[in-house]
Amino acid sequence: MTNRAIEIHDSTLDAISVRDGEVVLHFPCVYIHESMGTPGLDAGSGWVQQAVLRISDAGIARSFSKFPADLLDGYIMLGDTF
């Protein structure tokens, strides 16, 4: 079975909205890595595509001054898990 992950680097974020406790991130271009092992660590394949990420009960620790924003690094933390 293959595993997939969005790699924050090499991705572009063009909108953030907050509504009813849900944060919505819109990416016109994210880098997806697919691997039989651990995406981002083990060999596999990759491609770019559009994506929307919806997060409930989210907090935003930093603001962006303008969009689109090219993401060079960063992380998303779910509970105690990165």
PDB file of N, CA and C in Angstrom:
ATOM      1  N   MET A   1       0.848  -1.184   0.000  1.00  0.00           N
ATOM      2  CA  MET A   1       0.000   0.000   0.000  1.00  0.00           C
ATOM      3  C   MET A   1       0.890   1.244   0.000  1.00  0.00           C
ATOM      4  N   THR A   2       0.542   2.207  -0.818  1.00  0.00           N
ATOM      5  CA  THR A   2       1.312   3.445  -0.869  1.00  0.00           C
ATOM      6  C   THR A   2       0.799   4.453   0.160  1.00  0.00           C
ATOM      7  N   ASN A   3       1.685   5.326   0.573  1.00  0.00           N
ATOM      8  CA  ASN A   3       1.376   6.380   1.524  1.00  0.00           C
ATOM      9  C   ASN A   3       1.646   7.715   0.855  1.00  0.00           C
ATOM     10  N   ARG A   4       0.839   8.708   1.159  1.00  0.00           N
ATOM     11  CA  ARG A   4       0.989  10.033   0.568  1.00  0.00           C
ATOM     12  C   ARG A   4       1.071  11.099   1.645  1.00  0.00           C
ATOM     13  N   ALA A   5       1.812  12.174   1.322  1.00  0.00           N
ATOM     14  CA  ALA A   5       1.914  13.312   2.236  1.00  0.00           C
ATOM     15  C   ALA A   5       2.097  14.587   1.420  1.00  0.00           C
ATOM     16  N   ILE A   6       1.561  15.675   1.940  1.00  0.00           N
ATOM     17  CA  ILE A   6       1.833  16.994   1.366  1.00  0.00           C
ATOM     18  C   ILE A   6       3.147  17.470   1.964  1.00  0.00           C
ATOM     19  N   GLU A   7       4.074  17.866   1.106  1.00  0.00           N
ATOM     20  CA  GLU A   7       5.321  18.453   1.580  1.00  0.00           C
ATOM     21  C   GLU A   7       5.144  19.965   1.548  1.00  0.00           C
ATOM     22  N   ILE A   8       5.281  20.597   2.711  1.00  0.00           N
ATOM     23  CA  ILE A   8       5.047  22.034   2.826  1.00  0.00           C
ATOM     24  C   ILE A   8       5.981  22.813   1.910  1.00  0.00           C
ATOM     25  N   HIS A   9       7.263  22.410   1.875  1.00  0.00           N
ATOM     26  CA  HIS A   9       8.199  23.113   0.989  1.00  0.00           C
ATOM     27  C   HIS A   9       7.761  22.910  -0.458  1.00  0.00           C
ATOM     28  N   ASP A  10       8.039  23.867  -1.266  1.00  0.00           N
ATOM     29  CA  ASP A  10       7.684  23.830  -2.689  1.00  0.00           C
ATOM     30  C   ASP A  10       6.184  23.919  -2.940  1.00  0.00           C
ATOM     31  N   SER A  11       5.415  24.357  -1.939  1.00  0.00           N
ATOM     32  CA  SER A  11       3.978  24.538  -2.108  1.00  0.00           C
ATOM     33  C   SER A  11       3.643  26.023  -2.072  1.00  0.00           C
ATOM     34  N   THR A  12       2.465  26.365  -2.573  1.00  0.00           N
ATOM     35  CA  THR A  12       2.000  27.746  -2.590  1.00  0.00           C
ATOM     36  C   THR A  12       0.646  27.809  -1.888  1.00  0.00           C
ATOM     37  N   LEU A  13       0.490  28.781  -0.994  1.00  0.00           N
ATOM     38  CA  LEU A  13      -0.766  29.012  -0.281  1.00  0.00           C
ATOM     39  C   LEU A  13      -1.337  30.315  -0.799  1.00  0.00           C
ATOM     40  N   ASP A  14      -2.595  30.289  -1.286  1.00  0.00           N
ATOM     41  CA  ASP A  14      -3.144  31.540  -1.820  1.00  0.00           C
ATOM     42  C   ASP A  14      -4.343  32.081  -1.070  1.00  0.00           C
ATOM     43  N   ALA A  15      -4.814  31.372  -0.043  1.00  0.00           N
ATOM     44  CA  ALA A  15      -5.933  31.904   0.746  1.00  0.00           C
ATOM     45  C   ALA A  15      -6.064  31.150   2.063  1.00  0.00           C
ATOM     46  N   ILE A  16      -6.436  31.896   3.102  1.00  0.00           N
ATOM     47  CA  ILE A  16      -6.801  31.324   4.398  1.00  0.00           C
ATOM     48  C   ILE A  16      -8.113  31.958   4.800  1.00  0.00           C
ATOM     49  N   SER A  17      -9.072  31.135   5.174  1.00  0.00           N
ATOM     50  CA  SER A  17     -10.328  31.676   5.684  1.00  0.00           C
ATOM     51  C   SER A  17     -10.678  30.962   6.982  1.00  0.00           C
ATOM     52  N   VAL A  18     -11.366  31.684   7.860  1.00  0.00           N
ATOM     53  CA  VAL A  18     -11.806  31.127   9.134  1.00  0.00           C
ATOM     54  C   VAL A  18     -13.305  31.349   9.225  1.00  0.00           C
ATOM     55  N   ARG A  19     -14.037  30.251   9.428  1.00  0.00           N
ATOM     56  CA  ARG A  19     -15.486  30.368   9.521  1.00  0.00           C
ATOM     57  C   ARG A  19     -16.026  29.268  10.429  1.00  0.00           C
ATOM     58  N   ASP A  20     -16.822  29.667  11.400  1.00  0.00           N
ATOM     59  CA  ASP A  20     -17.459  28.722  12.325  1.00  0.00           C
ATOM     60  C   ASP A  20     -16.460  27.772  12.970  1.00  0.00           C
ATOM     61  N   GLY A  21     -15.301  28.283  13.389  1.00  0.00           N
ATOM     62  CA  GLY A  21     -14.299  27.472  14.058  1.00  0.00           C
ATOM     63  C   GLY A  21     -13.481  26.579  13.153  1.00  0.00           C
ATOM     64  N   GLU A  22     -13.646  26.722  11.834  1.00  0.00           N
ATOM     65  CA  GLU A  22     -12.889  25.912  10.882  1.00  0.00           C
ATOM     66  C   GLU A  22     -11.959  26.811  10.073  1.00  0.00           C
ATOM     67  N   VAL A  23     -10.702  26.415   9.970  1.00  0.00           N
ATOM     68  CA  VAL A  23      -9.736  27.129   9.142  1.00  0.00           C
ATOM     69  C   VAL A  23      -9.620  26.379   7.827  1.00  0.00           C
ATOM     70  N   VAL A  24      -9.734  27.112   6.717  1.00  0.00           N
ATOM     71  CA  VAL A  24      -9.635  26.516   5.391  1.00  0.00           C
ATOM     72  C   VAL A  24      -8.413  27.104   4.693  1.00  0.00           C
ATOM     73  N   LEU A  25      -7.492  26.234   4.300  1.00  0.00           N
ATOM     74  CA  LEU A  25      -6.293  26.633   3.573  1.00  0.00           C
ATOM     75  C   LEU A  25      -6.454  26.206   2.122  1.00  0.00           C
ATOM     76  N   HIS A  26      -6.272  27.136   1.195  1.00  0.00           N
ATOM     77  CA  HIS A  26      -6.371  26.799  -0.227  1.00  0.00           C
ATOM     78  C   HIS A  26      -4.993  26.871  -0.858  1.00  0.00           C
ATOM     79  N   PHE A  27      -4.600  25.787  -1.466  1.00  0.00           N
ATOM     80  CA  PHE A  27      -3.308  25.674  -2.138  1.00  0.00           C
ATOM     81  C   PHE A  27      -3.549  25.471  -3.635  1.00  0.00           C
ATOM     82  N   PRO A  28      -3.171  26.422  -4.489  1.00  0.00           N
ATOM     83  CA  PRO A  28      -3.303  26.183  -5.924  1.00  0.00           C
ATOM     84  C   PRO A  28      -2.260  25.183  -6.402  1.00  0.00           C
ATOM     85  N   CYS A  29      -1.224  24.993  -5.573  1.00  0.00           N
ATOM     86  CA  CYS A  29      -0.132  24.119  -5.979  1.00  0.00           C
ATOM     87  C   CYS A  29       0.555  23.548  -4.742  1.00  0.00           C
ATOM     88  N   VAL A  30       0.345  22.263  -4.458  1.00  0.00           N
ATOM     89  CA  VAL A  30       1.063  21.584  -3.381  1.00  0.00           C
ATOM     90  C   VAL A  30       1.885  20.456  -3.980  1.00  0.00           C
ATOM     91  N   TYR A  31       2.964  20.124  -3.305  1.00  0.00           N
ATOM     92  CA  TYR A  31       3.788  19.002  -3.734  1.00  0.00           C
ATOM     93  C   TYR A  31       3.372  17.776  -2.932  1.00  0.00           C
ATOM     94  N   ILE A  32       2.927  16.741  -3.623  1.00  0.00           N
ATOM     95  CA  ILE A  32       2.514  15.480  -3.007  1.00  0.00           C
ATOM     96  C   ILE A  32       3.626  14.458  -3.225  1.00  0.00           C
ATOM     97  N   HIS A  33       4.043  13.792  -2.154  1.00  0.00           N
ATOM     98  CA  HIS A  33       5.029  12.719  -2.279  1.00  0.00           C
ATOM     99  C   HIS A  33       4.360  11.412  -1.909  1.00  0.00           C
ATOM    100  N   GLU A  34       4.530  10.403  -2.772  1.00  0.00           N
ATOM    101  CA  GLU A  34       3.952   9.077  -2.566  1.00  0.00           C
ATOM    102  C   GLU A  34       5.083   8.066  -2.459  1.00  0.00           C
ATOM    103  N   SER A  35       4.984   7.178  -1.475  1.00  0.00           N
ATOM    104  CA  SER A  35       6.040   6.200  -1.241  1.00  0.00           C
ATOM    105  C   SER A  35       5.428   4.933  -0.655  1.00  0.00           C
ATOM    106  N   MET A  36       6.100   3.818  -0.910  1.00  0.00           N
ATOM    107  CA  MET A  36       5.701   2.562  -0.262  1.00  0.00           C
ATOM    108  C   MET A  36       6.101   2.600   1.214  1.00  0.00           C
ATOM    109  N   GLY A  37       7.044   3.462   1.554  1.00  0.00           N
ATOM    110  CA  GLY A  37       7.501   3.616   2.933  1.00  0.00           C
ATOM    111  C   GLY A  37       6.933   4.880   3.541  1.00  0.00           C
ATOM    112  N   THR A  38       7.820   5.729   4.043  1.00  0.00           N
ATOM    113  CA  THR A  38       7.428   6.979   4.680  1.00  0.00           C
ATOM    114  C   THR A  38       7.585   8.126   3.691  1.00  0.00           C
ATOM    115  N   PRO A  39       6.493   8.780   3.297  1.00  0.00           N
ATOM    116  CA  PRO A  39       6.589   9.902   2.365  1.00  0.00           C
ATOM    117  C   PRO A  39       7.486  10.997   2.936  1.00  0.00           C
ATOM    118  N   GLY A  40       8.276  11.590   2.076  1.00  0.00           N
ATOM    119  CA  GLY A  40       9.186  12.633   2.507  1.00  0.00           C
ATOM    120  C   GLY A  40      10.524  12.092   2.977  1.00  0.00           C
ATOM    121  N   LEU A  41      10.590  10.798   3.261  1.00  0.00           N
ATOM    122  CA  LEU A  41      11.838  10.173   3.705  1.00  0.00           C
ATOM    123  C   LEU A  41      12.307   9.087   2.740  1.00  0.00           C
ATOM    124  N   ASP A  42      11.398   8.220   2.360  1.00  0.00           N
ATOM    125  CA  ASP A  42      11.754   7.095   1.501  1.00  0.00           C
ATOM    126  C   ASP A  42      11.530   7.435   0.031  1.00  0.00           C
ATOM    127  N   ALA A  43      12.226   6.716  -0.831  1.00  0.00           N
ATOM    128  CA  ALA A  43      12.090   6.926  -2.280  1.00  0.00           C
ATOM    129  C   ALA A  43      10.649   6.707  -2.721  1.00  0.00           C
ATOM    130  N   GLY A  44      10.260   7.444  -3.740  1.00  0.00           N
ATOM    131  CA  GLY A  44       8.913   7.316  -4.282  1.00  0.00           C
ATOM    132  C   GLY A  44       8.756   8.254  -5.456  1.00  0.00           C
ATOM    133  N   SER A  45       7.545   8.720  -5.667  1.00  0.00           N
ATOM    134  CA  SER A  45       7.283   9.654  -6.759  1.00  0.00           C
ATOM    135  C   SER A  45       6.573  10.880  -6.206  1.00  0.00           C
ATOM    136  N   GLY A  46       6.569  11.953  -7.007  1.00  0.00           N
ATOM    137  CA  GLY A  46       5.926  13.178  -6.560  1.00  0.00           C
ATOM    138  C   GLY A  46       5.300  13.941  -7.701  1.00  0.00           C
ATOM    139  N   TRP A  47       4.351  14.794  -7.377  1.00  0.00           N
ATOM    140  CA  TRP A  47       3.677  15.633  -8.353  1.00  0.00           C
ATOM    141  C   TRP A  47       3.061  16.828  -7.639  1.00  0.00           C
ATOM    142  N   VAL A  48       2.595  17.789  -8.413  1.00  0.00           N
ATOM    143  CA  VAL A  48       1.909  18.951  -7.850  1.00  0.00           C
ATOM    144  C   VAL A  48       0.441  18.918  -8.243  1.00  0.00           C
ATOM    145  N   GLN A  49      -0.400  19.459  -7.382  1.00  0.00           N
ATOM    146  CA  GLN A  49      -1.832  19.549  -7.654  1.00  0.00           C
ATOM    147  C   GLN A  49      -2.454  20.587  -6.736  1.00  0.00           C
ATOM    148  N   GLN A  50      -3.674  20.973  -7.026  1.00  0.00           N
ATOM    149  CA  GLN A  50      -4.451  21.878  -6.177  1.00  0.00           C
ATOM    150  C   GLN A  50      -4.958  21.101  -4.970  1.00  0.00           C
ATOM    151  N   ALA A  51      -5.085  21.793  -3.809  1.00  0.00           N
ATOM    152  CA  ALA A  51      -5.596  21.132  -2.613  1.00  0.00           C
ATOM    153  C   ALA A  51      -6.290  22.134  -1.700  1.00  0.00           C
ATOM    154  N   VAL A  52      -7.272  21.649  -0.947  1.00  0.00           N
ATOM    155  CA  VAL A  52      -7.950  22.415   0.096  1.00  0.00           C
ATOM    156  C   VAL A  52      -7.829  21.600   1.373  1.00  0.00           C
ATOM    157  N   LEU A  53      -7.338  22.238   2.431  1.00  0.00           N
ATOM    158  CA  LEU A  53      -7.177  21.582   3.717  1.00  0.00           C
ATOM    159  C   LEU A  53      -8.093  22.274   4.713  1.00  0.00           C
ATOM    160  N   ARG A  54      -9.016  21.526   5.308  1.00  0.00           N
ATOM    161  CA  ARG A  54      -9.961  22.053   6.290  1.00  0.00           C
ATOM    162  C   ARG A  54      -9.569  21.523   7.666  1.00  0.00           C
ATOM    163  N   ILE A  55      -9.426  22.438   8.637  1.00  0.00           N
ATOM    164  CA  ILE A  55      -8.985  22.067   9.979  1.00  0.00           C
ATOM    165  C   ILE A  55      -9.973  22.620  10.994  1.00  0.00           C
ATOM    166  N   SER A  56     -10.556  21.730  11.790  1.00  0.00           N
ATOM    167  CA  SER A  56     -11.473  22.144  12.860  1.00  0.00           C
ATOM    168  C   SER A  56     -10.687  22.475  14.113  1.00  0.00           C
ATOM    169  N   ASP A  57     -11.216  23.383  14.928  1.00  0.00           N
ATOM    170  CA  ASP A  57     -10.584  23.783  16.187  1.00  0.00           C
ATOM    171  C   ASP A  57      -9.124  24.158  15.991  1.00  0.00           C
ATOM    172  N   ALA A  58      -8.851  24.957  14.971  1.00  0.00           N
ATOM    173  CA  ALA A  58      -7.475  25.322  14.628  1.00  0.00           C
ATOM    174  C   ALA A  58      -7.095  26.663  15.219  1.00  0.00           C
ATOM    175  N   GLY A  59      -5.811  26.849  15.377  1.00  0.00           N
ATOM    176  CA  GLY A  59      -5.268  28.130  15.785  1.00  0.00           C
ATOM    177  C   GLY A  59      -4.229  28.559  14.771  1.00  0.00           C
ATOM    178  N   ILE A  60      -4.176  29.841  14.481  1.00  0.00           N
ATOM    179  CA  ILE A  60      -3.191  30.375  13.543  1.00  0.00           C
ATOM    180  C   ILE A  60      -2.188  31.181  14.353  1.00  0.00           C
ATOM    181  N   ALA A  61      -0.912  30.777  14.296  1.00  0.00           N
ATOM    182  CA  ALA A  61       0.121  31.414  15.106  1.00  0.00           C
ATOM    183  C   ALA A  61       0.824  32.556  14.379  1.00  0.00           C
ATOM    184  N   ARG A  62       0.654  32.653  13.077  1.00  0.00           N
ATOM    185  CA  ARG A  62       1.338  33.683  12.305  1.00  0.00           C
ATOM    186  C   ARG A  62       0.427  34.141  11.172  1.00  0.00           C
ATOM    187  N   SER A  63       0.492  35.411  10.840  1.00  0.00           N
ATOM    188  CA  SER A  63      -0.320  35.909   9.733  1.00  0.00           C
ATOM    189  C   SER A  63       0.547  36.097   8.489  1.00  0.00           C
ATOM    190  N   PHE A  64      -0.099  36.100   7.358  1.00  0.00           N
ATOM    191  CA  PHE A  64       0.571  36.334   6.086  1.00  0.00           C
ATOM    192  C   PHE A  64       0.169  37.714   5.600  1.00  0.00           C
ATOM    193  N   SER A  65       1.132  38.470   5.099  1.00  0.00           N
ATOM    194  CA  SER A  65       0.834  39.834   4.679  1.00  0.00           C
ATOM    195  C   SER A  65       0.263  39.900   3.271  1.00  0.00           C
ATOM    196  N   LYS A  66       0.595  38.918   2.437  1.00  0.00           N
ATOM    197  CA  LYS A  66       0.045  38.940   1.086  1.00  0.00           C
ATOM    198  C   LYS A  66       0.017  37.533   0.506  1.00  0.00           C
ATOM    199  N   PHE A  67      -0.859  37.355  -0.432  1.00  0.00           N
ATOM    200  CA  PHE A  67      -0.992  36.070  -1.121  1.00  0.00           C
ATOM    201  C   PHE A  67      -0.774  36.288  -2.603  1.00  0.00           C
ATOM    202  N   PRO A  68      -0.299  35.307  -3.328  1.00  0.00           N
ATOM    203  CA  PRO A  68       0.065  33.970  -2.856  1.00  0.00           C
ATOM    204  C   PRO A  68       1.362  33.994  -2.064  1.00  0.00           C
ATOM    205  N   ALA A  69       1.514  32.995  -1.181  1.00  0.00           N
ATOM    206  CA  ALA A  69       2.713  32.855  -0.367  1.00  0.00           C
ATOM    207  C   ALA A  69       3.395  31.542  -0.722  1.00  0.00           C
ATOM    208  N   ASP A  70       4.654  31.627  -1.137  1.00  0.00           N
ATOM    209  CA  ASP A  70       5.429  30.419  -1.397  1.00  0.00           C
ATOM    210  C   ASP A  70       5.932  29.893  -0.062  1.00  0.00           C
ATOM    211  N   LEU A  71       5.627  28.646   0.225  1.00  0.00           N
ATOM    212  CA  LEU A  71       6.008  28.048   1.501  1.00  0.00           C
ATOM    213  C   LEU A  71       7.331  27.322   1.344  1.00  0.00           C
ATOM    214  N   LEU A  72       8.315  27.751   2.097  1.00  0.00           N
ATOM    215  CA  LEU A  72       9.641  27.157   2.017  1.00  0.00           C
ATOM    216  C   LEU A  72       9.868  26.127   3.114  1.00  0.00           C
ATOM    217  N   ASP A  73       9.169  26.288   4.241  1.00  0.00           N
ATOM    218  CA  ASP A  73       9.223  25.308   5.318  1.00  0.00           C
ATOM    219  C   ASP A  73       8.039  25.545   6.231  1.00  0.00           C
ATOM    220  N   GLY A  74       7.917  24.737   7.249  1.00  0.00           N
ATOM    221  CA  GLY A  74       6.821  24.878   8.192  1.00  0.00           C
ATOM    222  C   GLY A  74       6.281  23.514   8.581  1.00  0.00           C
ATOM    223  N   TYR A  75       5.234  23.524   9.385  1.00  0.00           N
ATOM    224  CA  TYR A  75       4.630  22.268   9.808  1.00  0.00           C
ATOM    225  C   TYR A  75       3.183  22.507  10.191  1.00  0.00           C
ATOM    226  N   ILE A  76       2.453  21.420  10.251  1.00  0.00           N
ATOM    227  CA  ILE A  76       1.084  21.420  10.769  1.00  0.00           C
ATOM    228  C   ILE A  76       1.092  20.453  11.937  1.00  0.00           C
ATOM    229  N   MET A  77       0.603  20.888  13.079  1.00  0.00           N
ATOM    230  CA  MET A  77       0.604  20.049  14.268  1.00  0.00           C
ATOM    231  C   MET A  77      -0.825  19.654  14.602  1.00  0.00           C
ATOM    232  N   LEU A  78      -1.051  18.356  14.747  1.00  0.00           N
ATOM    233  CA  LEU A  78      -2.360  17.822  15.125  1.00  0.00           C
ATOM    234  C   LEU A  78      -2.229  17.229  16.523  1.00  0.00           C
ATOM    235  N   GLY A  79      -2.779  17.937  17.522  1.00  0.00           N
ATOM    236  CA  GLY A  79      -2.583  17.509  18.908  1.00  0.00           C
ATOM    237  C   GLY A  79      -1.110  17.593  19.251  1.00  0.00           C
ATOM    238  N   ASP A  80      -0.516  16.474  19.648  1.00  0.00           N
ATOM    239  CA  ASP A  80       0.910  16.433  19.942  1.00  0.00           C
ATOM    240  C   ASP A  80       1.715  15.854  18.779  1.00  0.00           C
ATOM    241  N   THR A  81       1.076  15.686  17.618  1.00  0.00           N
ATOM    242  CA  THR A  81       1.712  15.039  16.484  1.00  0.00           C
ATOM    243  C   THR A  81       1.963  16.047  15.368  1.00  0.00           C
ATOM    244  N   PHE A  82       3.168  16.038  14.808  1.00  0.00           N
ATOM    245  CA  PHE A  82       3.511  16.877  13.658  1.00  0.00           C
ATOM    246  C   PHE A  82       3.135  16.162  12.385  1.00  0.00           C
TER     247      PHE A  82
END
